[in-house]
Structures are given as C-alpha cells and as structure tokens.
C-alpha atoms as a PDB file:
ATOM      1  CA  MET A   1     131.396 114.837  77.728  1.00  0.00           C
ATOM      2  CA  LEU A   2     131.938 117.501  75.087  1.00  0.00           C
ATOM      3  CA  GLU A   3     135.256 118.438  76.666  1.00  0.00           C
ATOM      4  CA  SER A   4     136.333 114.794  76.718  1.00  0.00           C
ATOM      5  CA  SER A   5     135.373 114.359  73.065  1.00  0.00           C
ATOM      6  CA  ALA A   6     137.294 117.500  72.150  1.00  0.00           C
ATOM      7  CA  LYS A   7     140.405 116.202  73.898  1.00  0.00           C
ATOM      8  CA  ARG A   8     140.148 112.906  72.039  1.00  0.00           C
ATOM      9  CA  ARG A   9     139.791 114.750  68.738  1.00  0.00           C
ATOM     10  CA  MET A  10     142.869 116.868  69.470  1.00  0.00           C
ATOM     11  CA  ALA A  11     144.920 113.817  70.360  1.00  0.00           C
ATOM     12  CA  ALA A  12     143.789 111.856  67.318  1.00  0.00           C
ATOM     13  CA  GLY A  13     144.019 114.758  64.857  1.00  0.00           C
ATOM     14  CA  PRO A  14     147.634 114.257  63.700  1.00  0.00           C
ATOM     15  CA  VAL A  15     147.033 110.530  63.291  1.00  0.00           C
ATOM     16  CA  PHE A  16     144.071 111.103  60.987  1.00  0.00           C
ATOM     17  CA  LEU A  17     145.858 113.832  59.062  1.00  0.00           C
ATOM     18  CA  ALA A  18     148.710 111.418  58.404  1.00  0.00           C
ATOM     19  CA  TRP A  19     146.213 108.685  57.493  1.00  0.00           C
ATOM     20  CA  ALA A  20     144.419 110.963  55.044  1.00  0.00           C
ATOM     21  CA  SER A  21     147.693 111.977  53.397  1.00  0.00           C
ATOM     22  CA  ILE A  22     148.683 108.327  53.000  1.00  0.00           C
ATOM     23  CA  MET A  23     145.260 107.499  51.538  1.00  0.00           C
ATOM     24  CA  HIS A  24     145.554 110.420  49.132  1.00  0.00           C
ATOM     25  CA  CYS A  25     148.992 109.303  47.965  1.00  0.00           C
ATOM     26  CA  ALA A  26     147.821 105.713  47.593  1.00  0.00           C
ATOM     27  CA  LEU A  27     145.028 106.835  45.307  1.00  0.00           C
ATOM     28  CA  LEU A  28     147.078 109.184  43.187  1.00  0.00           C
ATOM     29  CA  ALA A  29     150.720 108.151  43.391  1.00  0.00           C
ATOM     30  CA  GLY A  30     152.304 106.039  40.717  1.00  0.00           C
ATOM     31  CA  PRO A  31     155.224 105.893  38.315  1.00  0.00           C
ATOM     32  CA  CYS A  32     154.467 109.392  37.034  1.00  0.00           C
ATOM     33  CA  GLY A  33     154.135 111.048  40.465  1.00  0.00           C
ATOM     34  CA  THR A  34     151.224 112.782  42.187  1.00  0.00           C
ATOM     35  CA  ALA A  35     151.340 116.073  40.289  1.00  0.00           C
ATOM     36  CA  GLN A  36     151.277 114.425  36.899  1.00  0.00           C
ATOM     37  CA  ARG A  37     148.489 112.072  37.973  1.00  0.00           C
ATOM     38  CA  ILE A  38     146.384 115.063  38.984  1.00  0.00           C
ATOM     39  CA  ARG A  39     147.123 116.697  35.653  1.00  0.00           C
ATOM     40  CA  VAL A  40     146.077 113.536  33.847  1.00  0.00           C
ATOM     41  CA  LEU A  41     143.039 113.061  36.086  1.00  0.00           C
ATOM     42  CA  PHE A  42     141.481 116.376  35.110  1.00  0.00           C
ATOM     43  CA  ASP A  43     143.006 117.142  31.705  1.00  0.00           C
ATOM     44  CA  ILE A  44     141.871 114.231  29.602  1.00  0.00           C
ATOM     45  CA  ASP A  45     141.473 113.493  25.942  1.00  0.00           C
ATOM     46  CA  CYS A  46     137.732 112.893  25.484  1.00  0.00           C
ATOM     47  CA  PRO A  47     137.185 111.665  21.907  1.00  0.00           C
ATOM     48  CA  GLY A  48     133.476 111.160  22.465  1.00  0.00           C
ATOM     49  CA  LEU A  49     132.716 114.712  23.583  1.00  0.00           C
ATOM     50  CA  GLY A  50     133.467 116.588  20.385  1.00  0.00           C
ATOM     51  CA  ALA A  51     135.088 119.998  20.089  1.00  0.00           C
ATOM     52  CA  VAL A  52     136.145 122.013  23.111  1.00  0.00           C
ATOM     53  CA  SER A  53     136.531 125.735  23.620  1.00  0.00           C
ATOM     54  CA  PRO A  54     139.695 127.372  22.195  1.00  0.00           C
ATOM     55  CA  ARG A  55     140.986 128.199  25.686  1.00  0.00           C
ATOM     56  CA  VAL A  56     140.639 124.604  26.822  1.00  0.00           C
ATOM     57  CA  ALA A  57     142.033 123.215  23.569  1.00  0.00           C
ATOM     58  CA  THR A  58     145.162 125.378  23.700  1.00  0.00           C
ATOM     59  CA  GLY A  59     145.705 124.950  27.439  1.00  0.00           C
ATOM     60  CA  GLU A  60     144.410 121.974  29.325  1.00  0.00           C
ATOM     61  CA  ILE A  61     143.921 119.455  26.504  1.00  0.00           C
ATOM     62  CA  ALA A  62     147.244 120.367  24.881  1.00  0.00           C
ATOM     63  CA  ASN A  63     149.080 119.801  28.157  1.00  0.00           C
ATOM     64  CA  ALA A  64     147.241 116.532  28.711  1.00  0.00           C
ATOM     65  CA  MET A  65     148.378 115.292  25.306  1.00  0.00           C
ATOM     66  CA  THR A  66     151.987 116.095  26.213  1.00  0.00           C
ATOM     67  CA  VAL A  67     151.748 114.119  29.436  1.00  0.00           C
ATOM     68  CA  GLY A  68     149.869 111.351  27.646  1.00  0.00           C
ATOM     69  CA  ARG A  69     152.896 110.481  25.517  1.00  0.00           C
ATOM     70  CA  THR A  70     154.675 109.044  28.549  1.00  0.00           C
ATOM     71  CA  ILE A  71     151.735 107.625  30.549  1.00  0.00           C
ATOM     72  CA  PRO A  72     149.686 104.506  29.709  1.00  0.00           C
ATOM     73  CA  ARG A  73     146.247 105.219  28.287  1.00  0.00           C
ATOM     74  CA  ALA A  74     144.459 103.638  31.265  1.00  0.00           C
ATOM     75  CA  ALA A  75     146.134 106.135  33.598  1.00  0.00           C
ATOM     76  CA  ARG A  76     144.996 109.093  31.495  1.00  0.00           C
ATOM     77  CA  GLU A  77     141.335 108.670  32.419  1.00  0.00           C
ATOM     78  CA  PRO A  78     139.524 109.941  35.538  1.00  0.00           C
ATOM     79  CA  TRP A  79     137.030 107.081  35.588  1.00  0.00           C
ATOM     80  CA  PRO A  80     139.192 104.648  37.626  1.00  0.00           C
ATOM     81  CA  TYR A  81     139.365 107.319  40.318  1.00  0.00           C
ATOM     82  CA  PHE A  82     135.584 107.626  40.314  1.00  0.00           C
ATOM     83  CA  GLY A  83     135.575 103.848  40.781  1.00  0.00           C
ATOM     84  CA  LEU A  84     137.913 104.128  43.763  1.00  0.00           C
ATOM     85  CA  ALA A  85     135.680 106.800  45.275  1.00  0.00           C
ATOM     86  CA  PHE A  86     132.681 104.504  44.877  1.00  0.00           C
ATOM     87  CA  LEU A  87     134.474 101.554  46.499  1.00  0.00           C
ATOM     88  CA  LEU A  88     135.487 103.733  49.438  1.00  0.00           C
ATOM     89  CA  ALA A  89     131.913 104.981  49.872  1.00  0.00           C
ATOM     90  CA  ALA A  90     130.538 101.435  49.563  1.00  0.00           C
ATOM     91  CA  ALA A  91     132.963 100.208  52.227  1.00  0.00           C
ATOM     92  CA  GLY A  92     131.881 102.980  54.570  1.00  0.00           C
ATOM     93  CA  PHE A  93     128.152 102.395  54.098  1.00  0.00           C
ATOM     94  CA  TYR A  94     128.248  98.605  53.865  1.00  0.00           C
ATOM     95  CA  PRO A  95     127.370  97.851  57.524  1.00  0.00           C
ATOM     96  CA  SER A  96     124.648 100.477  57.833  1.00  0.00           C
ATOM     97  CA  PHE A  97     123.116 100.199  54.350  1.00  0.00           C
ATOM     98  CA  PHE A  98     124.115  97.344  52.051  1.00  0.00           C
ATOM     99  CA  ALA A  99     124.229  94.743  54.832  1.00  0.00           C
ATOM    100  CA  ALA A 100     121.012  96.063  56.406  1.00  0.00           C
ATOM    101  CA  ILE A 101     118.786  96.531  53.333  1.00  0.00           C
ATOM    102  CA  PRO A 102     115.960  94.231  54.557  1.00  0.00           C
ATOM    103  CA  THR A 103     115.556  96.269  57.747  1.00  0.00           C
ATOM    104  CA  LEU A 104     115.690  99.791  56.297  1.00  0.00           C
ATOM    105  CA  SER A 105     112.828 102.226  55.827  1.00  0.00           C
ATOM    106  CA  PRO A 106     111.659 103.195  52.319  1.00  0.00           C
ATOM    107  CA  ALA A 107     113.246 106.634  52.712  1.00  0.00           C
ATOM    108  CA  HIS A 108     116.643 105.152  53.541  1.00  0.00           C
ATOM    109  CA  LEU A 109     116.368 102.657  50.676  1.00  0.00           C
ATOM    110  CA  ILE A 110     115.468 105.335  48.137  1.00  0.00           C
ATOM    111  CA  HIS A 111     118.267 107.624  49.249  1.00  0.00           C
ATOM    112  CA  GLY A 112     120.819 104.832  49.475  1.00  0.00           C
ATOM    113  CA  PHE A 113     120.093 103.395  46.037  1.00  0.00           C
ATOM    114  CA  ALA A 114     119.866 106.855  44.449  1.00  0.00           C
ATOM    115  CA  ALA A 115     123.225 107.871  45.905  1.00  0.00           C
ATOM    116  CA  THR A 116     124.737 104.559  44.814  1.00  0.00           C
ATOM    117  CA  ALA A 117     123.458 105.080  41.269  1.00  0.00           C
ATOM    118  CA  TRP A 118     124.878 108.597  41.264  1.00  0.00           C
ATOM    119  CA  MET A 119     128.347 107.398  42.178  1.00  0.00           C
ATOM    120  CA  LEU A 120     128.152 104.692  39.491  1.00  0.00           C
ATOM    121  CA  LEU A 121     126.956 107.187  36.878  1.00  0.00           C
ATOM    122  CA  PRO A 122     130.431 108.610  36.054  1.00  0.00           C
ATOM    123  CA  LEU A 123     131.659 105.083  35.327  1.00  0.00           C
ATOM    124  CA  ALA A 124     128.796 104.519  32.881  1.00  0.00           C
ATOM    125  CA  GLN A 125     129.439 107.916  31.289  1.00  0.00           C
ATOM    126  CA  GLY A 126     133.116 107.099  30.985  1.00  0.00           C
ATOM    127  CA  LEU A 127     132.262 103.903  29.137  1.00  0.00           C
ATOM    128  CA  LEU A 128     130.051 105.847  26.738  1.00  0.00           C
ATOM    129  CA  ILE A 129     132.922 108.254  26.099  1.00  0.00           C
ATOM    130  CA  ARG A 130     135.288 105.382  25.321  1.00  0.00           C
ATOM    131  CA  LEU A 131     132.657 103.942  22.942  1.00  0.00           C
ATOM    132  CA  ARG A 132     132.335 107.375  21.278  1.00  0.00           C
ATOM    133  CA  ALA A 133     128.587 107.310  21.995  1.00  0.00           C
ATOM    134  CA  ARG A 134     128.298 111.074  22.220  1.00  0.00           C
ATOM    135  CA  PRO A 135     124.494 111.378  21.755  1.00  0.00           C
ATOM    136  CA  LEU A 136     123.812 108.730  24.392  1.00  0.00           C
ATOM    137  CA  HIS A 137     126.349 110.333  26.737  1.00  0.00           C
ATOM    138  CA  ARG A 138     124.509 113.642  26.446  1.00  0.00           C
ATOM    139  CA  ALA A 139     121.100 111.994  26.892  1.00  0.00           C
ATOM    140  CA  VAL A 140     122.244 110.177  30.018  1.00  0.00           C
ATOM    141  CA  GLY A 141     123.775 113.404  31.306  1.00  0.00           C
ATOM    142  CA  TRP A 142     120.519 115.310  31.017  1.00  0.00           C
ATOM    143  CA  ALA A 143     118.521 112.370  32.399  1.00  0.00           C
ATOM    144  CA  SER A 144     120.825 112.320  35.412  1.00  0.00           C
ATOM    145  CA  ILE A 145     119.274 115.609  36.528  1.00  0.00           C
ATOM    146  CA  GLY A 146     116.290 113.565  37.672  1.00  0.00           C
ATOM    147  CA  LEU A 147     118.558 111.195  39.577  1.00  0.00           C
ATOM    148  CA  ALA A 148     120.321 114.134  41.210  1.00  0.00           C
ATOM    149  CA  ALA A 149     116.944 115.573  42.228  1.00  0.00           C
ATOM    150  CA  LEU A 150     116.061 112.222  43.811  1.00  0.00           C
ATOM    151  CA  VAL A 151     119.369 112.207  45.707  1.00  0.00           C
ATOM    152  CA  ILE A 152     118.684 115.698  47.040  1.00  0.00           C
ATOM    153  CA  LEU A 153     115.012 115.205  47.916  1.00  0.00           C
ATOM    154  CA  SER A 154     115.568 111.843  49.586  1.00  0.00           C
ATOM    155  CA  GLY A 155     118.558 113.333  51.399  1.00  0.00           C
ATOM    156  CA  LEU A 156     116.343 116.103  52.755  1.00  0.00           C
ATOM    157  CA  LYS A 157     113.947 113.444  54.046  1.00  0.00           C
ATOM    158  CA  ILE A 158     116.766 111.529  55.771  1.00  0.00           C
ATOM    159  CA  ILE A 159     117.903 114.735  57.440  1.00  0.00           C
ATOM    160  CA  GLN A 160     114.361 115.330  58.678  1.00  0.00           C
ATOM    161  CA  ILE A 161     114.236 111.826  60.162  1.00  0.00           C
ATOM    162  CA  MET A 162     117.511 112.496  61.971  1.00  0.00           C
ATOM    163  CA  ALA A 163     116.274 115.857  63.262  1.00  0.00           C
ATOM    164  CA  PHE A 164     113.022 114.267  64.444  1.00  0.00           C
ATOM    165  CA  LYS A 165     114.906 111.658  66.475  1.00  0.00           C
ATOM    166  CA  ASN A 166     116.686 114.475  68.236  1.00  0.00           C
ATOM    167  CA  LEU A 167     113.393 115.723  69.672  1.00  0.00           C
ATOM    168  CA  THR A 168     113.195 112.767  72.063  1.00  0.00           C
ATOM    169  CA  ASP A 169     116.848 111.652  72.177  1.00  0.00           C
ATOM    170  CA  PHE A 170     118.984 114.757  71.857  1.00  0.00           C
ATOM    171  CA  HIS A 171     122.585 114.514  70.687  1.00  0.00           C
ATOM    172  CA  LEU A 172     124.578 117.574  69.676  1.00  0.00           C
ATOM    173  CA  ARG A 173     126.277 115.613  66.899  1.00  0.00           C
ATOM    174  CA  ARG A 174     122.911 115.266  65.134  1.00  0.00           C
ATOM    175  CA  VAL A 175     122.550 119.039  65.081  1.00  0.00           C
ATOM    176  CA  LYS A 176     126.004 119.237  63.470  1.00  0.00           C
ATOM    177  CA  PHE A 177     124.997 116.607  60.913  1.00  0.00           C
ATOM    178  CA  VAL A 178     121.894 118.614  60.011  1.00  0.00           C
ATOM    179  CA  LEU A 179     124.122 121.614  59.275  1.00  0.00           C
ATOM    180  CA  LEU A 180     126.702 119.607  57.349  1.00  0.00           C
ATOM    181  CA  ASP A 181     124.199 117.535  55.367  1.00  0.00           C
ATOM    182  CA  LEU A 182     121.950 120.432  54.368  1.00  0.00           C
ATOM    183  CA  THR A 183     124.867 122.553  53.176  1.00  0.00           C
ATOM    184  CA  GLY A 184     126.420 119.508  51.487  1.00  0.00           C
ATOM    185  CA  LEU A 185     123.245 118.877  49.486  1.00  0.00           C
ATOM    186  CA  LEU A 186     123.153 122.543  48.489  1.00  0.00           C
ATOM    187  CA  LEU A 187     126.769 122.384  47.335  1.00  0.00           C
ATOM    188  CA  PHE A 188     126.070 119.135  45.460  1.00  0.00           C
ATOM    189  CA  GLY A 189     123.291 120.828  43.506  1.00  0.00           C
ATOM    190  CA  LEU A 190     125.396 123.893  42.729  1.00  0.00           C
ATOM    191  CA  PHE A 191     128.341 121.824  41.501  1.00  0.00           C
ATOM    192  CA  LEU A 192     126.035 119.789  39.271  1.00  0.00           C
ATOM    193  CA  ALA A 193     124.462 122.910  37.758  1.00  0.00           C
ATOM    194  CA  PHE A 194     127.869 124.383  37.001  1.00  0.00           C
ATOM    195  CA  ALA A 195     129.052 121.035  35.581  1.00  0.00           C
ATOM    196  CA  LEU A 196     126.163 120.981  33.113  1.00  0.00           C
ATOM    197  CA  ALA A 197     126.871 124.584  32.136  1.00  0.00           C
ATOM    198  CA  ALA A 198     130.568 123.769  31.612  1.00  0.00           C
ATOM    199  CA  ALA A 199     129.650 120.801  29.403  1.00  0.00           C
ATOM    200  CA  ARG A 200     127.486 123.032  27.223  1.00  0.00           C
ATOM    201  CA  ARG A 201     130.456 125.401  26.812  1.00  0.00           C
ATOM    202  CA  ARG A 202     132.715 122.413  25.951  1.00  0.00           C
ATOM    203  CA  ASP A 203     134.885 123.291  28.940  1.00  0.00           C
ATOM    204  CA  ILE A 204     135.628 119.634  29.636  1.00  0.00           C
ATOM    205  CA  GLY A 205     138.354 120.255  32.220  1.00  0.00           C
ATOM    206  CA  LEU A 206     135.964 122.270  34.412  1.00  0.00           C
ATOM    207  CA  HIS A 207     133.134 119.806  33.737  1.00  0.00           C
ATOM    208  CA  VAL A 208     135.147 116.847  35.028  1.00  0.00           C
ATOM    209  CA  ARG A 209     136.454 118.796  38.035  1.00  0.00           C
ATOM    210  CA  LEU A 210     132.905 119.678  39.045  1.00  0.00           C
ATOM    211  CA  LEU A 211     131.729 116.091  38.630  1.00  0.00           C
ATOM    212  CA  ALA A 212     134.679 114.990  40.742  1.00  0.00           C
ATOM    213  CA  ALA A 213     133.517 117.412  43.424  1.00  0.00           C
ATOM    214  CA  THR A 214     130.009 115.896  43.403  1.00  0.00           C
ATOM    215  CA  ALA A 215     131.618 112.472  43.877  1.00  0.00           C
ATOM    216  CA  LEU A 216     133.796 113.711  46.738  1.00  0.00           C
ATOM    217  CA  ILE A 217     130.941 115.214  48.750  1.00  0.00           C
ATOM    218  CA  PRO A 218     129.368 111.833  49.728  1.00  0.00           C
ATOM    219  CA  LEU A 219     132.782 110.580  50.852  1.00  0.00           C
ATOM    220  CA  GLU A 220     132.656 112.663  54.012  1.00  0.00           C
ATOM    221  CA  ALA A 221     129.707 110.702  55.397  1.00  0.00           C
ATOM    222  CA  ALA A 222     131.243 107.421  54.212  1.00  0.00           C
ATOM    223  CA  LEU A 223     134.549 108.228  55.914  1.00  0.00           C
ATOM    224  CA  GLU A 224     132.757 108.873  59.204  1.00  0.00           C
ATOM    225  CA  ARG A 225     131.510 105.301  59.164  1.00  0.00           C
ATOM    226  CA  LEU A 226     134.632 103.761  57.681  1.00  0.00           C
ATOM    227  CA  LEU A 227     136.931 105.354  60.251  1.00  0.00           C
ATOM    228  CA  SER A 228     134.637 104.304  63.090  1.00  0.00           C
ATOM    229  CA  ASN A 229     134.711 100.727  61.837  1.00  0.00           C
ATOM    230  CA  LEU A 230     138.450 100.579  61.133  1.00  0.00           C
ATOM    231  CA  PHE A 231     139.711 102.492  64.179  1.00  0.00           C
ATOM    232  CA  PRO A 232     137.156 102.039  66.987  1.00  0.00           C
ATOM    233  CA  THR A 233     139.691 102.991  69.660  1.00  0.00           C
ATOM    234  CA  LEU A 234     140.667 106.268  67.996  1.00  0.00           C
ATOM    235  CA  VAL A 235     137.174 106.955  66.656  1.00  0.00           C
ATOM    236  CA  PRO A 236     134.830 105.709  69.387  1.00  0.00           C
ATOM    237  CA  ASP A 237     131.713 107.564  68.214  1.00  0.00           C
ATOM    238  CA  PHE A 238     130.286 109.778  65.495  1.00  0.00           C
ATOM    239  CA  ALA A 239     131.166 112.940  67.404  1.00  0.00           C
ATOM    240  CA  VAL A 240     134.851 112.137  66.832  1.00  0.00           C
ATOM    241  CA  ALA A 241     134.268 110.546  63.414  1.00  0.00           C
ATOM    242  CA  LEU A 242     132.805 113.802  62.107  1.00  0.00           C
ATOM    243  CA  TYR A 243     136.044 115.713  62.637  1.00  0.00           C
ATOM    244  CA  ALA A 244     138.216 112.789  61.545  1.00  0.00           C
ATOM    245  CA  ALA A 245     136.298 112.685  58.258  1.00  0.00           C
ATOM    246  CA  LEU A 246     136.559 116.454  57.826  1.00  0.00           C
ATOM    247  CA  LEU A 247     140.330 116.268  58.351  1.00  0.00           C
ATOM    248  CA  SER A 248     140.524 113.497  55.776  1.00  0.00           C
ATOM    249  CA  MET A 249     138.523 115.455  53.221  1.00  0.00           C
ATOM    250  CA  GLU A 250     140.599 118.584  53.807  1.00  0.00           C
ATOM    251  CA  ALA A 251     143.806 116.611  53.247  1.00  0.00           C
ATOM    252  CA  ILE A 252     142.525 114.973  50.065  1.00  0.00           C
ATOM    253  CA  VAL A 253     141.185 118.170  48.504  1.00  0.00           C
ATOM    254  CA  ALA A 254     144.259 120.154  49.563  1.00  0.00           C
ATOM    255  CA  GLY A 255     146.460 117.555  47.887  1.00  0.00           C
ATOM    256  CA  VAL A 256     144.563 118.006  44.627  1.00  0.00           C
ATOM    257  CA  ILE A 257     144.883 121.785  44.854  1.00  0.00           C
ATOM    258  CA  VAL A 258     148.632 121.663  45.554  1.00  0.00           C
ATOM    259  CA  ALA A 259     149.165 119.413  42.555  1.00  0.00           C
ATOM    260  CA  GLU A 260     147.148 121.754  40.336  1.00  0.00           C
ATOM    261  CA  TRP A 261     149.054 124.756  41.694  1.00  0.00           C
ATOM    262  CA  ARG A 262     152.377 123.135  40.842  1.00  0.00           C
ATOM    263  CA  LEU A 263     151.111 122.827  37.296  1.00  0.00           C
ATOM    264  CA  GLY A 264     149.966 126.456  37.255  1.00  0.00           C
ATOM    265  CA  ARG A 265     146.331 125.611  36.499  1.00  0.00           C
ATOM    266  CA  VAL A 266     144.220 125.815  39.641  1.00  0.00           C
ATOM    267  CA  ARG A 267     140.540 126.219  38.862  1.00  0.00           C
ATOM    268  CA  TRP A 268     137.832 127.113  41.310  1.00  0.00           C
ATOM    269  CA  PRO A 269     135.923 123.878  42.224  1.00  0.00           C
ATOM    270  CA  MET A 270     138.541 122.275  44.482  1.00  0.00           C
ATOM    271  CA  PRO A 271     139.525 125.484  46.338  1.00  0.00           C
ATOM    272  CA  PHE A 272     135.829 126.163  46.848  1.00  0.00           C
ATOM    273  CA  LEU A 273     135.291 122.644  48.181  1.00  0.00           C
ATOM    274  CA  LEU A 274     138.287 122.935  50.509  1.00  0.00           C
ATOM    275  CA  GLY A 275     136.987 126.252  51.817  1.00  0.00           C
ATOM    276  CA  TYR A 276     133.642 124.632  52.507  1.00  0.00           C
ATOM    277  CA  TYR A 277     135.181 121.835  54.576  1.00  0.00           C
ATOM    278  CA  VAL A 278     137.416 124.224  56.495  1.00  0.00           C
ATOM    279  CA  ILE A 279     134.434 126.455  57.290  1.00  0.00           C
ATOM    280  CA  MET A 280     132.362 123.468  58.416  1.00  0.00           C
ATOM    281  CA  HIS A 281     135.270 122.314  60.568  1.00  0.00           C
ATOM    282  CA  ILE A 282     135.394 125.688  62.284  1.00  0.00           C
ATOM    283  CA  VAL A 283     131.704 126.534  62.654  1.00  0.00           C
ATOM    284  CA  ALA A 284     129.975 123.153  63.119  1.00  0.00           C
ATOM    285  CA  THR A 285     130.172 123.134  66.914  1.00  0.00           C
ATOM    286  CA  PRO A 286     129.548 126.884  67.511  1.00  0.00           C
ATOM    287  CA  VAL A 287     126.534 126.875  65.174  1.00  0.00           C
ATOM    288  CA  ALA A 288     125.143 123.653  66.634  1.00  0.00           C
ATOM    289  CA  LEU A 289     125.311 125.143  70.131  1.00  0.00           C
ATOM    290  CA  THR A 290     123.222 128.196  69.222  1.00  0.00           C
ATOM    291  CA  PRO A 291     119.553 128.171  70.313  1.00  0.00           C
ATOM    292  CA  GLN A 292     118.636 129.623  66.919  1.00  0.00           C
ATOM    293  CA  PHE A 293     119.985 126.696  64.893  1.00  0.00           C
ATOM    294  CA  GLN A 294     118.613 124.156  67.342  1.00  0.00           C
ATOM    295  CA  ALA A 295     115.228 125.835  66.948  1.00  0.00           C
ATOM    296  CA  PHE A 296     115.645 125.602  63.176  1.00  0.00           C
ATOM    297  CA  CYS A 297     116.270 121.855  63.552  1.00  0.00           C
ATOM    298  CA  VAL A 298     113.037 121.490  65.538  1.00  0.00           C
ATOM    299  CA  TRP A 299     111.154 123.452  62.866  1.00  0.00           C
ATOM    300  CA  TYR A 300     112.700 121.339  60.100  1.00  0.00           C
ATOM    301  CA  ALA A 301     111.800 118.119  61.906  1.00  0.00           C
ATOM    302  CA  HIS A 302     108.115 119.092  61.794  1.00  0.00           C
ATOM    303  CA  LEU A 303     108.002 120.268  58.163  1.00  0.00           C
ATOM    304  CA  PRO A 304     104.897 118.676  56.604  1.00  0.00           C
ATOM    305  CA  VAL A 305     106.281 118.894  53.063  1.00  0.00           C
ATOM    306  CA  PHE A 306     108.285 115.685  53.578  1.00  0.00           C
ATOM    307  CA  GLY A 307     105.415 113.777  55.156  1.00  0.00           C
ATOM    308  CA  THR A 308     105.533 111.969  58.498  1.00  0.00           C
ATOM    309  CA  PRO A 309     109.144 112.079  59.800  1.00  0.00           C
ATOM    310  CA  LEU A 310     109.124 108.471  61.035  1.00  0.00           C
END
C-alpha cells in the first residue's frame, strides 16, 4: 500500500507543482507584476506604527514609497493577502470543522475557533493601522499572545487525540502528522516571538514577514483537505494529500523568496520556512517509520498533562 501511494504521489507531483504555481500567481500577480507585488506586500507604509529603525527607513520603507507612486493604495497593503489566506484555510476546513460544529468535541471546537481568530487577527490589526489607532494596535498585539498560547495548547491536545486513535487503528500517515504538527506549532511560536521582538525594534518589514509566516503555517493542513475535496481522483487520501500540500507550500514560499531575491532584499523568515517544508518533505516518511518515533507517539498519546485523550 505504501508503494502504491508513493507511485501515485510521484505521478501527481508535477500536476500539483503546476497547480501551486498557478495559485501563487493568482494571489500575487497583477498589473504591477509578481516581484513588485511581493515588494509592496512586505514593504508597506504603516502610518499607525510610528517611527521605524534607520535601516528600515532608508531601505525597505523608502523603496516601498517609490513603488507606491505607481500602485493603487489598496494594493500597497498586506492585509488583503491575509484575507485571501484566511479564505483558503476556511475553504479547506469547512467540511470538517465549520459544517460539523454541532458534532465536534470541545477540544476541536476550542482549537478551531482559536485558529480562526488568529487568522482574522491580522485583518483587525490592519484596520487599526489604517485608523491610526496605535495604542490599541499595540494592546491587541500583546493580548494576542494569549490567543497564540491557546492555539498552541489546543493544537497539542488535538495531536494527542490523533496519536491516541493510532493505538487501536494504526495509520502511518498519523505518525507523519504528529511530526509535522508538533514541529509546525513550535515554528509558529518561534515566528510569533521574533515578530514581537521585531515590532519592539520598529523593524516593520521583518515584523510583517514573520506574521505572514504564522499565517502560512496553518495553510498546509488546510491545503491537505482542500486538495482532497477538489481533486479526489488525484488526491484519494490524506497520505497523498500530505505531500501535495507540502509541494504547494514549497512552491508558494519559493515564489516569495524569488521575488524578494530579484529585489535584492531577502530576509530570513521565508527561506527558513521553505527549508522547514523541504526538510519535512524529505524526512516525514523515514522518521515515521522508525520505532523510536512511533514509541514517542505512544508516549505522547498517554501524557496525562492534557487530560483524557478522548
């Protein structure tokens, strides 16, 4: 069965790579071209955030102002792209979460609503920036640490539930999801911590890039479900959907990096995120097949700190 799934993934790989590239271009292409849209996406004029560091002011913000002379104001903001990311995630999770809310467990409801609120948070923060409500923007930003903690803690509980199911109904894909989800939550927390530190330094370009990375991380799980729903023949199960989603994320993040490179201003969050997805793509199956990691999954399933798994 594993060999058959691998063959299907190899055959479908180029199709999904092409699909991800088209999706990336659809999100970012426009009259000004992909490279300029990326520049505008991450180098924005933020009147509500106050002064920025000299390096940022003379580099990123200055370049953004040059581009801004020829691009409509609405296209110079990253918030519409956060909105697109939310719509994509909502479409992916609609059948399994939004349409099934009455049947879900408390743990799934808490995690689902917390993650939804997190993806809506950048839109609310963007509105506060446009309204020049700097004190409220900062207050909401610091308060969001609690929301992020809820996302992480509830996510850990969901992973435990998944690992517990594997004790009586073993599927290798669940072991892979434990690896991917645990490391994804760790990366989410690290990106958020660095985003808060960048905001304190008034490094707005890095701050927005890091927030964009936290918004991209949930897309991988959403794409697994979305691709399964849209292309059931090519993506017949989650074992295939996992690698289709990883290919999609690699294509999207690589497109952002290429655009930044063409502008001569690549910063570390997107290359780091791409490296993470490439590593997960390579090691997910080998790690999941090891007795050591499977034993870790059994241990994690029985952790009492999260209460009764089911």
